[in-house]
């Protein structure tokens, strides 16, 4: 999940909008003109297109990043939900590794920030 502020940055930068969130996470109604669409991780990756490179996560005690496939192999039977709960920070980069996004709290946040960097005007 990404924050409302990051969703606003995506909208302002031209990210395609669909049905926007009408309420905040604490149940407050959001006026129509302030509503923002919160895309799924797959939508964010697809929006980066061929420029998407890699998404890694850091784990407590790890000195290096591990890919999703490496972590799945090391943690068989871990559910998708628990997998994302145990991460310490997320890193994302574009295909030629000229753009890096570090220290994100969710994979969605990392890829959203990568999309913003790729679409900077």
Protein backbone atom coordinates (compact mmCIF):
# COMPACT_ATOMS: atom_id res chain seq x y z
CA UNK A 1 0.00 0.00 0.00
CA UNK A 2 1.19 3.53 -0.66
CA UNK A 3 0.39 6.68 1.27
CA UNK A 4 -2.23 9.21 0.21
CA UNK A 5 0.60 11.73 -0.29
CA UNK A 6 2.47 9.39 -2.66
CA UNK A 7 -0.80 8.62 -4.51
CA UNK A 8 -1.24 12.37 -4.98
CA UNK A 9 2.30 12.66 -6.37
CA UNK A 10 1.51 9.86 -8.84
CA UNK A 11 -1.69 11.59 -9.93
CA UNK A 12 0.04 14.96 -10.29
CA UNK A 13 2.78 13.31 -12.39
CA UNK A 14 0.22 11.76 -14.76
CA UNK A 15 -0.18 8.22 -13.46
CA UNK A 16 -3.42 6.74 -14.91
CA UNK A 17 -6.32 7.17 -12.49
CA UNK A 18 -9.17 4.71 -12.00
CA UNK A 19 -11.73 4.57 -9.20
CA UNK A 20 -10.08 6.61 -6.47
CA UNK A 21 -10.10 5.98 -2.75
CA UNK A 22 -13.07 7.74 -1.14
CA UNK A 23 -12.00 7.29 2.48
CA UNK A 24 -8.73 7.52 4.36
CA UNK A 25 -7.39 4.51 6.25
CA UNK A 26 -8.96 5.88 9.44
CA UNK A 27 -12.41 6.26 7.85
CA UNK A 28 -12.42 9.97 6.98
CA UNK A 29 -14.27 10.86 3.78
CA UNK A 30 -12.14 12.42 1.02
CA UNK A 31 -13.78 15.11 -1.16
CA UNK A 32 -14.02 14.13 -4.85
CA UNK A 33 -11.42 16.65 -6.09
CA UNK A 34 -8.89 15.32 -3.56
CA UNK A 35 -9.46 11.60 -4.20
CA UNK A 36 -6.45 9.64 -5.42
CA UNK A 37 -6.21 6.20 -7.02
CA UNK A 38 -3.96 3.77 -5.16
CA UNK A 39 -2.51 1.30 -7.69
CA UNK A 40 -1.55 -2.29 -6.96
CA UNK A 41 2.07 -3.43 -7.13
CA UNK A 42 1.47 -5.17 -10.46
CA UNK A 43 0.02 -1.96 -11.96
CA UNK A 44 3.03 0.03 -10.81
CA UNK A 45 5.47 -2.48 -12.29
CA UNK A 46 3.55 -2.59 -15.58
CA UNK A 47 3.48 1.22 -15.70
CA UNK A 48 7.30 1.29 -15.48
CA UNK A 49 7.32 -0.90 -18.58
CA UNK A 50 10.64 -2.02 -20.02
CA UNK A 51 12.42 0.42 -17.71
CA UNK A 52 11.61 -1.68 -14.63
CA UNK A 53 14.71 -3.46 -13.37
CA UNK A 54 14.67 -5.08 -9.96
CA UNK A 55 12.83 -5.03 -6.64
CA UNK A 56 14.72 -6.25 -3.57
CA UNK A 57 14.10 -6.25 0.15
CA UNK A 58 16.46 -5.99 3.08
CA UNK A 59 16.01 -8.24 6.11
CA UNK A 60 17.18 -7.63 9.62
CA UNK A 61 20.66 -9.11 9.97
CA UNK A 62 21.26 -9.35 6.23
CA UNK A 63 24.24 -7.54 4.79
CA UNK A 64 22.93 -7.81 1.24
CA UNK A 65 19.67 -7.54 -0.61
CA UNK A 66 17.76 -10.65 -1.55
CA UNK A 67 15.39 -11.11 -4.42
CA UNK A 68 11.85 -12.32 -3.95
CA UNK A 69 12.79 -15.69 -5.49
CA UNK A 70 15.75 -16.14 -3.10
CA UNK A 71 13.61 -15.39 -0.08
CA UNK A 72 10.84 -17.74 -1.23
CA UNK A 73 13.42 -20.53 -1.62
CA UNK A 74 14.81 -19.84 1.86
CA UNK A 75 11.34 -19.64 3.43
CA UNK A 76 9.18 -22.33 1.86
CA UNK A 77 5.58 -22.17 2.95
CA UNK A 78 5.75 -18.50 3.91
CA UNK A 79 2.56 -16.79 2.93
CA UNK A 80 2.58 -13.70 0.73
CA UNK A 81 1.25 -11.60 3.62
CA UNK A 82 3.88 -12.78 6.10
CA UNK A 83 6.62 -12.39 3.52
CA UNK A 84 5.98 -8.68 3.22
CA UNK A 85 5.58 -8.21 6.97
CA UNK A 86 9.10 -9.43 7.72
CA UNK A 87 10.99 -7.01 5.50
CA UNK A 88 13.00 -4.12 6.89
CA UNK A 89 13.27 -1.97 3.77
CA UNK A 90 12.71 -2.11 0.01
CA UNK A 91 14.99 -1.14 -2.87
CA UNK A 92 14.03 -0.71 -6.51
CA UNK A 93 15.98 0.27 -9.61
CA UNK A 94 15.46 0.69 -13.31
CA UNK A 95 16.79 -1.72 -15.92
CA UNK A 96 20.11 0.04 -16.53
CA UNK A 97 20.50 0.76 -12.77
CA UNK A 98 20.92 4.50 -13.31
CA UNK A 99 18.02 5.18 -10.90
CA UNK A 100 17.82 3.66 -7.41
CA UNK A 101 15.11 4.04 -4.76
CA UNK A 102 16.05 2.97 -1.22
CA UNK A 103 14.55 2.59 2.27
CA UNK A 104 10.90 2.19 1.31
CA UNK A 105 8.50 0.54 3.73
CA UNK A 106 6.55 -1.43 1.08
CA UNK A 107 7.29 -2.79 -2.38
CA UNK A 108 4.49 -0.58 -3.73
CA UNK A 109 6.17 2.53 -2.33
CA UNK A 110 9.51 1.58 -3.91
CA UNK A 111 8.04 0.97 -7.37
CA UNK A 112 5.82 4.08 -7.16
CA UNK A 113 8.89 6.19 -6.41
CA UNK A 114 10.75 4.53 -9.27
CA UNK A 115 7.85 5.37 -11.61
CA UNK A 116 7.99 8.99 -10.43
CA UNK A 117 11.73 9.13 -11.08
CA UNK A 118 11.30 7.60 -14.54
CA UNK A 119 8.55 10.09 -15.39
CA UNK A 120 10.14 13.23 -13.97
CA UNK A 121 9.45 16.19 -16.23
